[in-house]
Amino acid sequence: MIQKSTLQFLKDLKKNNNKPWFDKNKPRYEEAKKNIESLVEAFLAKFSAIDKRYAKLSAKDCVFRIYRDVRFSPNKTPYKTHLGAGMSPGGKKMNEPGYYLHIEPGKAFLAGGMWMPPTDQLKMIRQEIVYSGKKFKKIISDSAFKKYYGGLDDEYKLARPPKGYDKSHPDIELLKYNSYIVWHQYSDKDATSKNFAGELSKGAKIMKPFIDFLTEAVSV
């Protein structure tokens, strides 16, 4: 579970995103970091029984740093105002389909899939949909999947068919996506409940056929 003190630290950090305040409150950050690491460890312990590829991962392989890279950003605030973890067989590198946990007051969520994959991998996913469109549609239209995730996030969906695909293709709407991700948001009450790790494992299990499809698509 996420402690209320972790959410309060993140709220306070959002109001005081500067190094002097952070240095003064470093012990609070360390406790928040331990909290999300503990949650991720609990999730991995539960989910590795479902997907053994996650059995060798530890929280340190997954939890992201709170320090922002401001070199090329107009936003020079030094710290992220959320805690996050990338959970794929390769850990937080997320160079393959996997899960992402986001902890932020009022905005906690579990997401998964491939966000803005490089051109070669995007082509592979689209080609797999061309080959196995019926299978993919069955996965994303599953009742449990639709109830939990709704559908694919369409923020980066193209208005026109991607180059090389005819607009009359029966799966053209699925081929227009530049990202193949889904996500489920949790309330602060959900995040601070004792069974939050179990709920995350449940969500990941529902998402697993979707992740498996994408993994097969980008595997060489």
Protein backbone atom coordinates (compact mmCIF):
# COMPACT_ATOMS: atom_id res chain seq x y z
CA MET A 1 0.00 0.00 0.00
CA ILE A 2 1.01 3.60 -0.47
CA GLN A 3 1.28 5.50 2.79
CA LYS A 4 -0.65 8.72 3.22
CA SER A 5 2.66 10.31 4.21
CA THR A 6 4.01 9.51 0.72
CA LEU A 7 1.12 11.31 -0.96
CA GLN A 8 1.53 14.25 1.42
CA PHE A 9 5.24 14.47 0.60
CA LEU A 10 4.42 14.62 -3.11
CA LYS A 11 1.79 17.31 -2.51
CA ASP A 12 4.30 19.38 -0.54
CA LEU A 13 7.01 18.82 -3.15
CA LYS A 14 4.69 20.15 -5.88
CA LYS A 15 4.38 23.40 -3.90
CA ASN A 16 8.10 23.57 -3.06
CA ASN A 17 9.95 22.17 -6.07
CA ASN A 18 13.40 23.52 -5.27
CA LYS A 19 16.66 22.10 -3.96
CA PRO A 20 16.79 23.87 -0.54
CA TRP A 21 13.34 22.54 0.39
CA PHE A 22 14.13 19.07 -0.97
CA ASP A 23 17.42 18.88 0.93
CA LYS A 24 15.65 19.86 4.14
CA ASN A 25 12.99 17.20 3.52
CA LYS A 26 15.33 14.47 2.23
CA PRO A 27 14.35 12.03 5.01
CA ARG A 28 10.70 12.30 3.89
CA TYR A 29 11.75 11.52 0.33
CA GLU A 30 13.75 8.50 1.48
CA GLU A 31 10.68 7.16 3.27
CA ALA A 32 8.51 7.74 0.19
CA LYS A 33 11.08 5.96 -1.97
CA LYS A 34 11.14 2.99 0.41
CA ASN A 35 7.35 2.95 0.30
CA ILE A 36 7.08 2.62 -3.49
CA GLU A 37 9.95 0.11 -3.55
CA SER A 38 8.07 -1.98 -0.99
CA LEU A 39 4.90 -1.78 -3.11
CA VAL A 40 6.76 -2.78 -6.27
CA GLU A 41 8.41 -5.72 -4.46
CA ALA A 42 4.98 -6.89 -3.29
CA PHE A 43 3.58 -6.56 -6.82
CA LEU A 44 6.51 -8.48 -8.34
CA ALA A 45 6.11 -11.27 -5.77
CA LYS A 46 2.46 -11.68 -6.70
CA PHE A 47 2.75 -11.17 -10.46
CA SER A 48 5.79 -13.40 -10.96
CA ALA A 49 3.53 -16.34 -10.11
CA ILE A 50 1.59 -15.40 -13.26
CA ASP A 51 4.56 -14.39 -15.44
CA LYS A 52 7.82 -16.02 -14.40
CA ARG A 53 9.89 -13.54 -16.46
CA TYR A 54 9.37 -11.08 -13.60
CA ALA A 55 10.69 -13.38 -10.88
CA LYS A 56 14.29 -12.10 -11.05
CA LEU A 57 13.37 -8.41 -10.97
CA SER A 58 13.76 -6.27 -7.87
CA ALA A 59 12.25 -2.88 -7.08
CA LYS A 60 15.61 -1.23 -7.75
CA ASP A 61 15.43 -2.54 -11.33
CA CYS A 62 12.10 -0.77 -11.78
CA VAL A 63 11.72 2.43 -9.73
CA PHE A 64 12.66 5.63 -11.54
CA ARG A 65 14.74 8.44 -10.07
CA ILE A 66 12.84 11.47 -8.82
CA TYR A 67 15.41 13.85 -10.29
CA ARG A 68 14.38 15.46 -13.59
CA ASP A 69 16.70 15.85 -16.57
CA VAL A 70 16.31 19.57 -17.23
CA ARG A 71 19.07 19.99 -19.81
CA PHE A 72 16.75 20.30 -22.81
CA SER A 73 13.53 21.25 -21.05
CA PRO A 74 12.06 24.75 -20.63
CA ASN A 75 10.73 23.51 -17.27
CA LYS A 76 13.70 23.80 -14.91
CA THR A 77 12.05 22.47 -11.76
CA PRO A 78 14.53 19.88 -10.49
CA TYR A 79 12.20 17.13 -9.22
CA LYS A 80 9.34 15.02 -10.53
CA THR A 81 6.17 15.43 -8.48
CA HIS A 82 5.28 11.76 -8.81
CA LEU A 83 6.92 8.39 -8.19
CA GLY A 84 7.05 5.87 -11.00
CA ALA A 85 8.19 2.35 -11.82
CA GLY A 86 8.71 0.65 -15.17
CA MET A 87 8.12 -3.08 -14.93
CA SER A 88 9.12 -5.19 -17.90
CA PRO A 89 11.43 -8.22 -18.04
CA GLY A 90 14.25 -5.71 -18.67
CA GLY A 91 13.22 -3.45 -15.80
CA LYS A 92 12.65 0.29 -16.07
CA LYS A 93 14.48 0.57 -19.38
CA MET A 94 11.12 -0.28 -20.93
CA ASN A 95 12.63 -1.15 -24.34
CA GLU A 96 10.00 -3.84 -24.59
CA PRO A 97 6.30 -4.14 -23.77
CA GLY A 98 5.66 -3.89 -20.06
CA TYR A 99 3.83 -2.15 -17.25
CA TYR A 100 4.18 1.33 -15.77
CA LEU A 101 3.08 2.32 -12.26
CA HIS A 102 2.50 6.01 -11.55
CA ILE A 103 1.97 7.32 -8.02
CA GLU A 104 0.75 10.91 -7.71
CA PRO A 105 -1.92 12.43 -5.46
CA GLY A 106 -5.25 12.07 -7.26
CA LYS A 107 -3.58 10.63 -10.37
CA ALA A 108 -2.28 7.15 -9.57
CA PHE A 109 -2.54 4.69 -12.44
CA LEU A 110 -1.28 1.44 -13.94
CA ALA A 111 -0.50 1.58 -17.65
CA GLY A 112 1.03 -0.87 -20.07
CA GLY A 113 1.97 -1.62 -23.64
CA MET A 114 4.40 0.36 -25.79
CA TRP A 115 4.40 4.16 -25.69
CA MET A 116 5.68 5.80 -28.90
CA PRO A 117 7.80 2.79 -29.98
CA PRO A 118 10.61 3.45 -32.48
CA THR A 119 9.68 3.23 -36.16
CA ASP A 120 10.92 -0.33 -36.66
CA GLN A 121 8.96 -1.68 -33.70
CA LEU A 122 5.84 0.30 -34.64
CA LYS A 123 5.96 -1.27 -38.09
CA MET A 124 6.28 -4.72 -36.52
CA ILE A 125 3.24 -4.13 -34.31
CA ARG A 126 1.16 -2.92 -37.23
CA GLN A 127 2.26 -5.88 -39.33
CA GLU A 128 1.29 -8.28 -36.54
CA ILE A 129 -2.16 -6.66 -36.43
CA VAL A 130 -2.44 -7.17 -40.20
CA TYR A 131 -1.52 -10.85 -39.77
CA SER A 132 -3.49 -11.46 -36.57
CA GLY A 133 -6.14 -8.77 -36.42
CA LYS A 134 -8.83 -11.18 -35.26
CA LYS A 135 -6.67 -12.25 -32.30
CA PHE A 136 -5.83 -8.67 -31.35
CA LYS A 137 -9.45 -7.56 -31.51
CA LYS A 138 -10.49 -10.50 -29.35
CA ILE A 139 -7.95 -9.42 -26.70
CA ILE A 140 -9.00 -5.77 -26.55
CA SER A 141 -12.72 -6.56 -26.75
CA ASP A 142 -12.60 -9.07 -23.88
CA SER A 143 -15.21 -8.05 -21.31
CA ALA A 144 -12.80 -7.96 -18.34
CA PHE A 145 -10.26 -5.99 -20.38
CA LYS A 146 -12.84 -3.46 -21.54
CA LYS A 147 -14.29 -3.07 -18.04
CA TYR A 148 -10.86 -2.42 -16.49
CA TYR A 149 -9.13 -0.44 -19.24
CA GLY A 150 -11.86 0.77 -21.57
CA GLY A 151 -9.75 0.61 -24.71
CA LEU A 152 -6.54 1.79 -26.32
CA ASP A 153 -5.41 5.30 -25.43
CA ASP A 154 -5.95 7.34 -28.58
CA GLU A 155 -3.99 10.48 -27.68
CA TYR A 156 -1.41 9.81 -30.40
CA LYS A 157 -3.72 8.22 -32.94
CA LEU A 158 -3.26 9.39 -36.53
CA ALA A 159 -6.09 11.15 -38.34
CA ARG A 160 -5.12 9.48 -41.61
CA PRO A 161 -3.96 5.93 -42.44
CA PRO A 162 -0.23 5.40 -41.90
CA LYS A 163 1.96 5.32 -44.98
CA GLY A 164 1.70 2.02 -46.84
CA TYR A 165 -1.77 1.08 -45.57
CA ASP A 166 -4.96 1.42 -47.55
CA LYS A 167 -7.81 3.32 -45.92
CA SER A 168 -10.15 0.45 -46.81
CA HIS A 169 -8.20 -2.08 -44.72
CA PRO A 170 -10.66 -3.73 -42.28
CA ASP A 171 -8.39 -2.95 -39.31
CA ILE A 172 -7.29 0.51 -40.44
CA GLU A 173 -8.49 2.17 -37.23
CA LEU A 174 -6.22 -0.09 -35.18
CA LEU A 175 -3.33 0.60 -37.53
CA LYS A 176 -3.57 4.37 -37.01
CA TYR A 177 -2.16 4.22 -33.49
CA ASN A 178 1.38 5.50 -32.84
CA SER A 179 1.26 4.15 -29.29
CA TYR A 180 -0.34 0.94 -28.13
CA ILE A 181 -1.10 1.51 -24.46
CA VAL A 182 -3.94 1.14 -21.99
CA TRP A 183 -4.27 2.49 -18.47
CA HIS A 184 -6.44 2.34 -15.38
CA GLN A 185 -6.62 5.13 -12.81
CA TYR A 186 -6.87 4.61 -9.04
CA SER A 187 -8.16 6.93 -6.36
CA ASP A 188 -6.01 7.89 -3.37
CA LYS A 189 -8.26 5.58 -1.34
CA ASP A 190 -7.38 2.71 -3.69
CA ALA A 191 -3.65 3.47 -3.53
CA THR A 192 -3.60 3.59 0.28
CA SER A 193 -5.62 0.39 0.72
CA LYS A 194 -3.90 -2.67 2.15
CA ASN A 195 -4.58 -4.77 -0.95
CA PHE A 196 -3.21 -2.28 -3.49
CA ALA A 197 -0.41 -4.64 -4.60
CA GLY A 198 -3.03 -7.32 -5.16
CA GLU A 199 -5.17 -4.91 -7.17
CA LEU A 200 -2.16 -4.01 -9.33
CA SER A 201 -1.45 -7.70 -9.89
CA LYS A 202 -5.08 -8.22 -10.90
CA GLY A 203 -4.84 -5.33 -13.36
CA ALA A 204 -1.59 -6.64 -14.81
CA LYS A 205 -3.07 -10.12 -15.21
CA ILE A 206 -6.01 -8.70 -17.18
CA MET A 207 -3.56 -6.77 -19.36
CA LYS A 208 -1.16 -9.71 -19.89
CA PRO A 209 -2.67 -11.04 -23.20
CA PHE A 210 -2.30 -7.51 -24.63
CA ILE A 211 1.33 -7.35 -23.45
CA ASP A 212 1.99 -10.85 -24.81
CA PHE A 213 0.64 -9.88 -28.23
CA LEU A 214 2.92 -6.83 -28.41
CA THR A 215 5.90 -8.84 -27.15
CA GLU A 216 5.40 -11.41 -29.87
CA ALA A 217 5.04 -8.65 -32.44
CA VAL A 218 8.38 -6.96 -31.64
CA SER A 219 10.35 -10.14 -31.00
CA VAL A 220 12.93 -10.83 -33.71
